[in-house]
PDB file of N, CA and C in Angstrom:
ATOM      1  N   MET A   1     -15.070   1.157  -7.365  1.00  0.00           N
ATOM      2  CA  MET A   1     -13.417  -0.184  -7.391  1.00  0.00           C
ATOM      3  C   MET A   1     -12.544   0.167  -5.616  1.00  0.00           C
ATOM      4  N   ALA A   2     -14.202   0.014  -4.892  1.00  0.00           N
ATOM      5  CA  ALA A   2     -14.160  -0.339  -3.793  1.00  0.00           C
ATOM      6  C   ALA A   2     -14.503  -1.327  -3.343  1.00  0.00           C
ATOM      7  N   SER A   3     -15.248  -1.890  -4.294  1.00  0.00           N
ATOM      8  CA  SER A   3     -15.663  -3.134  -3.884  1.00  0.00           C
ATOM      9  C   SER A   3     -15.191  -3.897  -4.529  1.00  0.00           C
ATOM     10  N   ASP A   4     -14.745  -3.334  -5.639  1.00  0.00           N
ATOM     11  CA  ASP A   4     -12.889  -5.086  -6.301  1.00  0.00           C
ATOM     12  C   ASP A   4     -11.541  -5.197  -4.660  1.00  0.00           C
ATOM     13  N   LEU A   5     -11.991  -3.703  -4.125  1.00  0.00           N
ATOM     14  CA  LEU A   5     -10.886  -4.261  -2.532  1.00  0.00           C
ATOM     15  C   LEU A   5     -12.106  -5.581  -1.790  1.00  0.00           C
ATOM     16  N   LEU A   6     -12.984  -4.737  -2.077  1.00  0.00           N
ATOM     17  CA  LEU A   6     -13.485  -5.916  -0.668  1.00  0.00           C
ATOM     18  C   LEU A   6     -13.072  -7.219  -1.359  1.00  0.00           C
ATOM     19  N   ARG A   7     -12.994  -7.668  -2.177  1.00  0.00           N
ATOM     20  CA  ARG A   7     -13.268  -9.267  -2.712  1.00  0.00           C
ATOM     21  C   ARG A   7     -11.652  -9.730  -3.360  1.00  0.00           C
ATOM     22  N   LEU A   8     -11.022  -8.745  -2.751  1.00  0.00           N
ATOM     23  CA  LEU A   8      -9.377  -9.592  -2.967  1.00  0.00           C
ATOM     24  C   LEU A   8      -9.548 -11.154  -2.363  1.00  0.00           C
ATOM     25  N   SER A   9      -9.112 -11.957  -3.070  1.00  0.00           N
ATOM     26  CA  SER A   9      -8.614 -13.348  -2.181  1.00  0.00           C
ATOM     27  C   SER A   9      -6.925 -13.655  -2.279  1.00  0.00           C
ATOM     28  N   ALA A  10      -6.594 -12.938  -2.536  1.00  0.00           N
ATOM     29  CA  ALA A  10      -5.025 -12.316  -1.800  1.00  0.00           C
ATOM     30  C   ALA A  10      -4.895 -13.725  -0.334  1.00  0.00           C
ATOM     31  N   GLN A  11      -3.638 -14.509  -1.139  1.00  0.00           N
ATOM     32  CA  GLN A  11      -3.067 -15.329   0.483  1.00  0.00           C
ATOM     33  C   GLN A  11      -1.851 -14.855   1.224  1.00  0.00           C
ATOM     34  N   HIS A  12      -1.562 -14.121   0.541  1.00  0.00           N
ATOM     35  CA  HIS A  12      -0.370 -13.225   1.215  1.00  0.00           C
ATOM     36  C   HIS A  12      -0.388 -11.568   1.251  1.00  0.00           C
ATOM     37  N   VAL A  13       0.103 -10.427   1.976  1.00  0.00           N
ATOM     38  CA  VAL A  13       0.477  -9.681   1.054  1.00  0.00           C
ATOM     39  C   VAL A  13       1.276  -8.952   1.481  1.00  0.00           C
ATOM     40  N   TRP A  14       2.284  -8.465   0.868  1.00  0.00           N
ATOM     41  CA  TRP A  14       3.439  -8.020   1.502  1.00  0.00           C
ATOM     42  C   TRP A  14       3.372  -6.129   0.984  1.00  0.00           C
ATOM     43  N   VAL A  15       4.095  -5.802   2.070  1.00  0.00           N
ATOM     44  CA  VAL A  15       3.733  -4.548   3.131  1.00  0.00           C
ATOM     45  C   VAL A  15       4.880  -3.839   2.828  1.00  0.00           C
ATOM     46  N   ASP A  16       5.263  -2.715   2.209  1.00  0.00           N
ATOM     47  CA  ASP A  16       7.085  -1.681   1.912  1.00  0.00           C
ATOM     48  C   ASP A  16       5.728  -0.671   2.955  1.00  0.00           C
ATOM     49  N   TYR A  17       6.910  -0.079   3.998  1.00  0.00           N
ATOM     50  CA  TYR A  17       6.290   1.396   3.980  1.00  0.00           C
ATOM     51  C   TYR A  17       8.030   2.676   4.034  1.00  0.00           C
ATOM     52  N   ASP A  18       7.937   3.956   3.491  1.00  0.00           N
ATOM     53  CA  ASP A  18       9.078   4.194   3.192  1.00  0.00           C
ATOM     54  C   ASP A  18       9.051   5.599   4.018  1.00  0.00           C
ATOM     55  N   ALA A  19       9.862   5.430   5.288  1.00  0.00           N
ATOM     56  CA  ALA A  19       9.299   6.801   6.473  1.00  0.00           C
ATOM     57  C   ALA A  19       9.872   7.486   6.002  1.00  0.00           C
ATOM     58  N   GLU A  20      10.626   8.281   5.046  1.00  0.00           N
ATOM     59  CA  GLU A  20      11.256   9.144   4.520  1.00  0.00           C
ATOM     60  C   GLU A  20      10.280   9.670   3.791  1.00  0.00           C
ATOM     61  N   ALA A  21       9.509   9.448   3.264  1.00  0.00           N
ATOM     62  CA  ALA A  21       8.534   9.848   2.212  1.00  0.00           C
ATOM     63  C   ALA A  21       6.950   9.604   2.626  1.00  0.00           C
ATOM     64  N   ASP A  22       6.834   8.846   3.810  1.00  0.00           N
ATOM     65  CA  ASP A  22       5.657   8.704   3.973  1.00  0.00           C
ATOM     66  C   ASP A  22       4.422   8.300   3.116  1.00  0.00           C
ATOM     67  N   VAL A  23       5.809   7.499   2.897  1.00  0.00           N
ATOM     68  CA  VAL A  23       4.402   5.994   1.625  1.00  0.00           C
ATOM     69  C   VAL A  23       4.365   4.912   2.144  1.00  0.00           C
ATOM     70  N   LEU A  24       3.116   4.203   2.142  1.00  0.00           N
ATOM     71  CA  LEU A  24       2.676   2.747   2.199  1.00  0.00           C
ATOM     72  C   LEU A  24       2.213   1.967   1.376  1.00  0.00           C
ATOM     73  N   TYR A  25       2.930   1.072   0.543  1.00  0.00           N
ATOM     74  CA  TYR A  25       2.320  -0.235  -0.314  1.00  0.00           C
ATOM     75  C   TYR A  25       2.360  -0.970   0.169  1.00  0.00           C
ATOM     76  N   MET A  26       1.107  -0.933  -0.345  1.00  0.00           N
ATOM     77  CA  MET A  26       0.923  -2.732  -0.280  1.00  0.00           C
ATOM     78  C   MET A  26       0.101  -3.858  -1.584  1.00  0.00           C
ATOM     79  N   SER A  27       1.092  -5.276  -1.252  1.00  0.00           N
ATOM     80  CA  SER A  27       1.095  -6.019  -2.864  1.00  0.00           C
ATOM     81  C   SER A  27       0.488  -7.320  -2.163  1.00  0.00           C
ATOM     82  N   PHE A  28      -0.237  -6.926  -3.527  1.00  0.00           N
ATOM     83  CA  PHE A  28      -1.076  -8.759  -3.910  1.00  0.00           C
ATOM     84  C   PHE A  28      -0.262  -9.812  -4.057  1.00  0.00           C
ATOM     85  N   ARG A  29       0.071  -9.578  -5.427  1.00  0.00           N
ATOM     86  CA  ARG A  29       1.330 -11.160  -5.465  1.00  0.00           C
ATOM     87  C   ARG A  29       2.897 -10.205  -5.790  1.00  0.00           C
ATOM     88  N   ARG A  30       3.759 -10.412  -5.842  1.00  0.00           N
ATOM     89  CA  ARG A  30       5.176 -10.083  -6.223  1.00  0.00           C
ATOM     90  C   ARG A  30       5.050 -11.231  -8.187  1.00  0.00           C
ATOM     91  N   PRO A  31       5.865 -10.670  -8.726  1.00  0.00           N
ATOM     92  CA  PRO A  31       6.520  -9.542  -8.738  1.00  0.00           C
ATOM     93  C   PRO A  31       5.402  -7.763  -9.030  1.00  0.00           C
ATOM     94  N   GLN A  32       5.613  -7.514  -8.482  1.00  0.00           N
ATOM     95  CA  GLN A  32       4.067  -6.357  -8.086  1.00  0.00           C
ATOM     96  C   GLN A  32       4.059  -5.913  -9.679  1.00  0.00           C
ATOM     97  N   ARG A  33       3.059  -6.034 -10.753  1.00  0.00           N
ATOM     98  CA  ARG A  33       2.754  -5.520 -11.908  1.00  0.00           C
ATOM     99  C   ARG A  33       1.646  -4.782 -12.053  1.00  0.00           C
ATOM    100  N   ALA A  34       1.783  -3.795 -12.370  1.00  0.00           N
ATOM    101  CA  ALA A  34       0.631  -3.311 -12.567  1.00  0.00           C
ATOM    102  C   ALA A  34       0.996  -2.819 -14.719  1.00  0.00           C
ATOM    103  N   THR A  35      -0.780  -2.896 -14.761  1.00  0.00           N
ATOM    104  CA  THR A  35      -1.089  -1.927 -16.167  1.00  0.00           C
ATOM    105  C   THR A  35      -1.797  -0.581 -15.734  1.00  0.00           C
ATOM    106  N   ARG A  36      -2.452  -0.152 -14.979  1.00  0.00           N
ATOM    107  CA  ARG A  36      -2.572   0.517 -14.790  1.00  0.00           C
ATOM    108  C   ARG A  36      -2.844   1.168 -13.378  1.00  0.00           C
ATOM    109  N   THR A  37      -3.115   2.211 -12.994  1.00  0.00           N
ATOM    110  CA  THR A  37      -3.259   2.430 -11.467  1.00  0.00           C
ATOM    111  C   THR A  37      -4.245   3.657 -11.382  1.00  0.00           C
ATOM    112  N   VAL A  38      -5.417   3.345 -10.726  1.00  0.00           N
ATOM    113  CA  VAL A  38      -6.510   4.522 -10.497  1.00  0.00           C
ATOM    114  C   VAL A  38      -6.284   5.362  -9.272  1.00  0.00           C
ATOM    115  N   GLU A  39      -6.185   6.169  -9.213  1.00  0.00           N
ATOM    116  CA  GLU A  39      -6.080   7.822  -7.998  1.00  0.00           C
ATOM    117  C   GLU A  39      -7.917   7.662  -7.214  1.00  0.00           C
ATOM    118  N   LEU A  40      -8.070   6.599  -6.727  1.00  0.00           N
ATOM    119  CA  LEU A  40      -9.213   6.887  -5.065  1.00  0.00           C
ATOM    120  C   LEU A  40      -9.378   7.965  -4.916  1.00  0.00           C
ATOM    121  N   ASP A  41      -8.762   8.775  -4.253  1.00  0.00           N
ATOM    122  CA  ASP A  41      -8.664  10.141  -3.437  1.00  0.00           C
ATOM    123  C   ASP A  41      -7.284  10.643  -3.331  1.00  0.00           C
ATOM    124  N   GLU A  42      -6.810  11.404  -3.172  1.00  0.00           N
ATOM    125  CA  GLU A  42      -5.703  12.157  -3.942  1.00  0.00           C
ATOM    126  C   GLU A  42      -4.847  11.649  -2.710  1.00  0.00           C
ATOM    127  N   ASP A  43      -4.641  11.042  -1.409  1.00  0.00           N
ATOM    128  CA  ASP A  43      -3.506   9.717  -0.942  1.00  0.00           C
ATOM    129  C   ASP A  43      -3.704   8.738  -1.145  1.00  0.00           C
ATOM    130  N   THR A  44      -4.232   7.827  -2.059  1.00  0.00           N
ATOM    131  CA  THR A  44      -4.705   6.876  -2.123  1.00  0.00           C
ATOM    132  C   THR A  44      -4.653   6.389  -3.782  1.00  0.00           C
ATOM    133  N   LEU A  45      -3.760   5.005  -3.934  1.00  0.00           N
ATOM    134  CA  LEU A  45      -3.597   5.306  -5.411  1.00  0.00           C
ATOM    135  C   LEU A  45      -3.349   3.043  -5.944  1.00  0.00           C
ATOM    136  N   VAL A  46      -4.775   2.708  -6.951  1.00  0.00           N
ATOM    137  CA  VAL A  46      -5.136   1.245  -6.559  1.00  0.00           C
ATOM    138  C   VAL A  46      -4.401   1.518  -7.320  1.00  0.00           C
ATOM    139  N   ARG A  47      -3.263  -0.434  -7.732  1.00  0.00           N
ATOM    140  CA  ARG A  47      -2.467  -0.983  -8.685  1.00  0.00           C
ATOM    141  C   ARG A  47      -3.480  -1.549  -9.469  1.00  0.00           C
ATOM    142  N   LYS A  48      -3.545  -2.336 -10.581  1.00  0.00           N
ATOM    143  CA  LYS A  48      -4.376  -3.187 -11.700  1.00  0.00           C
ATOM    144  C   LYS A  48      -3.744  -3.303 -12.029  1.00  0.00           C
ATOM    145  N   ASP A  49      -3.451  -4.898 -12.812  1.00  0.00           N
ATOM    146  CA  ASP A  49      -2.927  -5.548 -13.754  1.00  0.00           C
ATOM    147  C   ASP A  49      -4.587  -5.843 -14.837  1.00  0.00           C
ATOM    148  N   GLY A  50      -4.794  -5.739 -15.725  1.00  0.00           N
ATOM    149  CA  GLY A  50      -6.846  -5.602 -16.258  1.00  0.00           C
ATOM    150  C   GLY A  50      -7.231  -5.484 -15.053  1.00  0.00           C
ATOM    151  N   GLN A  51      -8.197  -5.915 -14.908  1.00  0.00           N
ATOM    152  CA  GLN A  51      -9.141  -6.056 -13.598  1.00  0.00           C
ATOM    153  C   GLN A  51      -8.894  -6.613 -12.735  1.00  0.00           C
ATOM    154  N   THR A  52      -8.108  -7.084 -12.274  1.00  0.00           N
ATOM    155  CA  THR A  52      -7.393  -7.601 -10.619  1.00  0.00           C
ATOM    156  C   THR A  52      -6.303  -6.153 -10.047  1.00  0.00           C
ATOM    157  N   VAL A  53      -7.433  -5.995  -8.967  1.00  0.00           N
ATOM    158  CA  VAL A  53      -5.969  -5.080  -7.786  1.00  0.00           C
ATOM    159  C   VAL A  53      -5.072  -6.266  -7.027  1.00  0.00           C
ATOM    160  N   VAL A  54      -3.820  -5.431  -7.476  1.00  0.00           N
ATOM    161  CA  VAL A  54      -2.738  -6.368  -7.326  1.00  0.00           C
ATOM    162  C   VAL A  54      -1.687  -5.072  -6.711  1.00  0.00           C
ATOM    163  N   GLY A  55      -2.470  -4.681  -6.566  1.00  0.00           N
ATOM    164  CA  GLY A  55      -1.524  -3.309  -4.583  1.00  0.00           C
ATOM    165  C   GLY A  55      -1.850  -1.715  -4.647  1.00  0.00           C
ATOM    166  N   VAL A  56      -1.940  -1.685  -3.732  1.00  0.00           N
ATOM    167  CA  VAL A  56      -2.282  -0.599  -2.469  1.00  0.00           C
ATOM    168  C   VAL A  56      -1.365   0.723  -2.385  1.00  0.00           C
ATOM    169  N   THR A  57      -1.081   2.060  -3.025  1.00  0.00           N
ATOM    170  CA  THR A  57      -0.138   3.280  -2.215  1.00  0.00           C
ATOM    171  C   THR A  57      -1.466   3.774  -2.058  1.00  0.00           C
ATOM    172  N   ILE A  58      -0.499   4.406  -0.748  1.00  0.00           N
ATOM    173  CA  ILE A  58      -1.506   5.376   0.408  1.00  0.00           C
ATOM    174  C   ILE A  58       0.020   6.276   0.742  1.00  0.00           C
ATOM    175  N   LEU A  59      -0.499   7.720  -0.008  1.00  0.00           N
ATOM    176  CA  LEU A  59       0.636   8.774   0.665  1.00  0.00           C
ATOM    177  C   LEU A  59       0.193   9.155   1.687  1.00  0.00           C
ATOM    178  N   ASN A  60       0.687   9.344   3.063  1.00  0.00           N
ATOM    179  CA  ASN A  60       0.687  10.743   3.779  1.00  0.00           C
ATOM    180  C   ASN A  60       0.267   9.422   4.807  1.00  0.00           C
ATOM    181  N   ALA A  61       0.515   8.262   4.658  1.00  0.00           N
ATOM    182  CA  ALA A  61      -0.014   7.330   5.514  1.00  0.00           C
ATOM    183  C   ALA A  61       0.084   7.847   7.613  1.00  0.00           C
ATOM    184  N   SER A  62       0.979   8.422   7.707  1.00  0.00           N
ATOM    185  CA  SER A  62       1.015   8.467   8.755  1.00  0.00           C
ATOM    186  C   SER A  62       0.325   9.432   9.394  1.00  0.00           C
ATOM    187  N   THR A  63      -1.121  10.052   8.396  1.00  0.00           N
ATOM    188  CA  THR A  63      -1.750  11.293   8.921  1.00  0.00           C
ATOM    189  C   THR A  63      -3.003  11.186   8.428  1.00  0.00           C
ATOM    190  N   ARG A  64      -2.842   9.306   7.403  1.00  0.00           N
ATOM    191  CA  ARG A  64      -4.304   8.923   7.748  1.00  0.00           C
ATOM    192  C   ARG A  64      -5.582   8.647   8.629  1.00  0.00           C
ATOM    193  N   GLY A  65      -6.157   8.532   8.811  1.00  0.00           N
ATOM    194  CA  GLY A  65      -7.091   7.479   9.651  1.00  0.00           C
ATOM    195  C   GLY A  65      -7.248   9.097  11.191  1.00  0.00           C
ATOM    196  N   PRO A  66      -8.016   8.433  11.941  1.00  0.00           N
ATOM    197  CA  PRO A  66      -7.386   8.535  13.511  1.00  0.00           C
ATOM    198  C   PRO A  66      -6.318   7.688  13.947  1.00  0.00           C
ATOM    199  N   GLY A  67      -4.757   9.083  14.616  1.00  0.00           N
ATOM    200  CA  GLY A  67      -3.818   8.412  14.285  1.00  0.00           C
ATOM    201  C   GLY A  67      -2.786   7.129  13.926  1.00  0.00           C
ATOM    202  N   GLY A  68      -2.921   7.469  12.911  1.00  0.00           N
ATOM    203  CA  GLY A  68      -2.381   7.157  11.180  1.00  0.00           C
ATOM    204  C   GLY A  68      -2.416   5.618  10.890  1.00  0.00           C
ATOM    205  N   ILE A  69      -1.850   5.376   9.655  1.00  0.00           N
ATOM    206  CA  ILE A  69      -2.165   4.372   9.360  1.00  0.00           C
ATOM    207  C   ILE A  69      -0.903   3.594  10.309  1.00  0.00           C
ATOM    208  N   VAL A  70      -0.255   3.956   9.518  1.00  0.00           N
ATOM    209  CA  VAL A  70       1.606   3.672  10.081  1.00  0.00           C
ATOM    210  C   VAL A  70       1.569   5.026  11.389  1.00  0.00           C
ATOM    211  N   ARG A  71       2.641   4.523  12.313  1.00  0.00           N
ATOM    212  CA  ARG A  71       3.195   5.691  12.855  1.00  0.00           C
ATOM    213  C   ARG A  71       5.209   6.046  13.061  1.00  0.00           C
ATOM    214  N   ARG A  72       4.263   6.965  12.376  1.00  0.00           N
ATOM    215  CA  ARG A  72       5.865   7.668  11.927  1.00  0.00           C
ATOM    216  C   ARG A  72       7.440   7.253  12.880  1.00  0.00           C
ATOM    217  N   ALA A  73       8.713   6.022  12.981  1.00  0.00           N
ATOM    218  CA  ALA A  73       9.016   5.818  13.212  1.00  0.00           C
ATOM    219  C   ALA A  73      10.392   6.815  14.071  1.00  0.00           C
ATOM    220  N   PRO A  74      10.937   7.257  15.207  1.00  0.00           N
ATOM    221  CA  PRO A  74      12.562   8.159  15.223  1.00  0.00           C
ATOM    222  C   PRO A  74      13.351   7.641  13.699  1.00  0.00           C
ATOM    223  N   ARG A  75      13.611   8.573  13.357  1.00  0.00           N
ATOM    224  CA  ARG A  75      14.888   8.491  12.206  1.00  0.00           C
ATOM    225  C   ARG A  75      15.442   7.486  12.558  1.00  0.00           C
ATOM    226  N   THR A  76      15.623   6.432  11.722  1.00  0.00           N
ATOM    227  CA  THR A  76      17.248   5.472  12.190  1.00  0.00           C
ATOM    228  C   THR A  76      17.871   5.710  10.324  1.00  0.00           C
ATOM    229  N   LYS A  77      18.980   4.646  10.758  1.00  0.00           N
ATOM    230  CA  LYS A  77      19.193   4.821   9.357  1.00  0.00           C
ATOM    231  C   LYS A  77      18.742   4.026   8.452  1.00  0.00           C
ATOM    232  N   HIS A  78      17.888   2.222   8.956  1.00  0.00           N
ATOM    233  CA  HIS A  78      17.069   2.477   8.243  1.00  0.00           C
ATOM    234  C   HIS A  78      15.711   3.027   8.301  1.00  0.00           C
ATOM    235  N   ARG A  79      15.013   3.511   7.014  1.00  0.00           N
ATOM    236  CA  ARG A  79      14.233   4.036   6.606  1.00  0.00           C
ATOM    237  C   ARG A  79      13.294   3.057   6.222  1.00  0.00           C
ATOM    238  N   ARG A  80      13.645   2.371   5.792  1.00  0.00           N
ATOM    239  CA  ARG A  80      11.738   1.626   5.065  1.00  0.00           C
ATOM    240  C   ARG A  80      12.061   0.052   5.344  1.00  0.00           C
ATOM    241  N   ARG A  81      10.715  -0.098   5.786  1.00  0.00           N
ATOM    242  CA  ARG A  81      10.326  -1.577   6.513  1.00  0.00           C
ATOM    243  C   ARG A  81       9.546  -2.847   5.344  1.00  0.00           C
ATOM    244  N   THR A  82       9.608  -3.312   5.834  1.00  0.00           N
ATOM    245  CA  THR A  82       8.751  -4.212   4.561  1.00  0.00           C
ATOM    246  C   THR A  82       9.060  -5.603   5.436  1.00  0.00           C
ATOM    247  N   GLY A  83       7.578  -6.474   5.115  1.00  0.00           N
ATOM    248  CA  GLY A  83       7.304  -7.777   5.462  1.00  0.00           C
ATOM    249  C   GLY A  83       5.753  -7.674   5.307  1.00  0.00           C
ATOM    250  N   CYS A  84       5.833  -9.612   5.285  1.00  0.00           N
ATOM    251  CA  CYS A  84       4.755 -10.317   4.929  1.00  0.00           C
ATOM    252  C   CYS A  84       4.029 -10.289   5.503  1.00  0.00           C
ATOM    253  N   VAL A  85       2.369 -10.307   5.302  1.00  0.00           N
ATOM    254  CA  VAL A  85       1.274 -10.851   6.477  1.00  0.00           C
ATOM    255  C   VAL A  85       0.899 -11.927   5.796  1.00  0.00           C
ATOM    256  N   ARG A  86      -0.123 -12.855   6.322  1.00  0.00           N
ATOM    257  CA  ARG A  86      -0.556 -13.886   5.823  1.00  0.00           C
ATOM    258  C   ARG A  86      -1.567 -14.296   6.341  1.00  0.00           C
TER     259      ARG A  86
END
């Protein structure tokens, strides 16, 4: 499964972070379409369409790794952040 992630040829990565749920969503194609989900560990889910990885979901994102994958922002009216990385 990790080798699938290393071979990604996505030109765009859509990133959504839900601060209230502390979940980071990364999608490698739009619309997000997955035929199955594979659990890598208790906090990492890989979404696949057939054999192609179409996204990754990271639970408890602010606590993953040293300093977390994302930093929790102060609570605001808008809790969801979305962006596209090229």
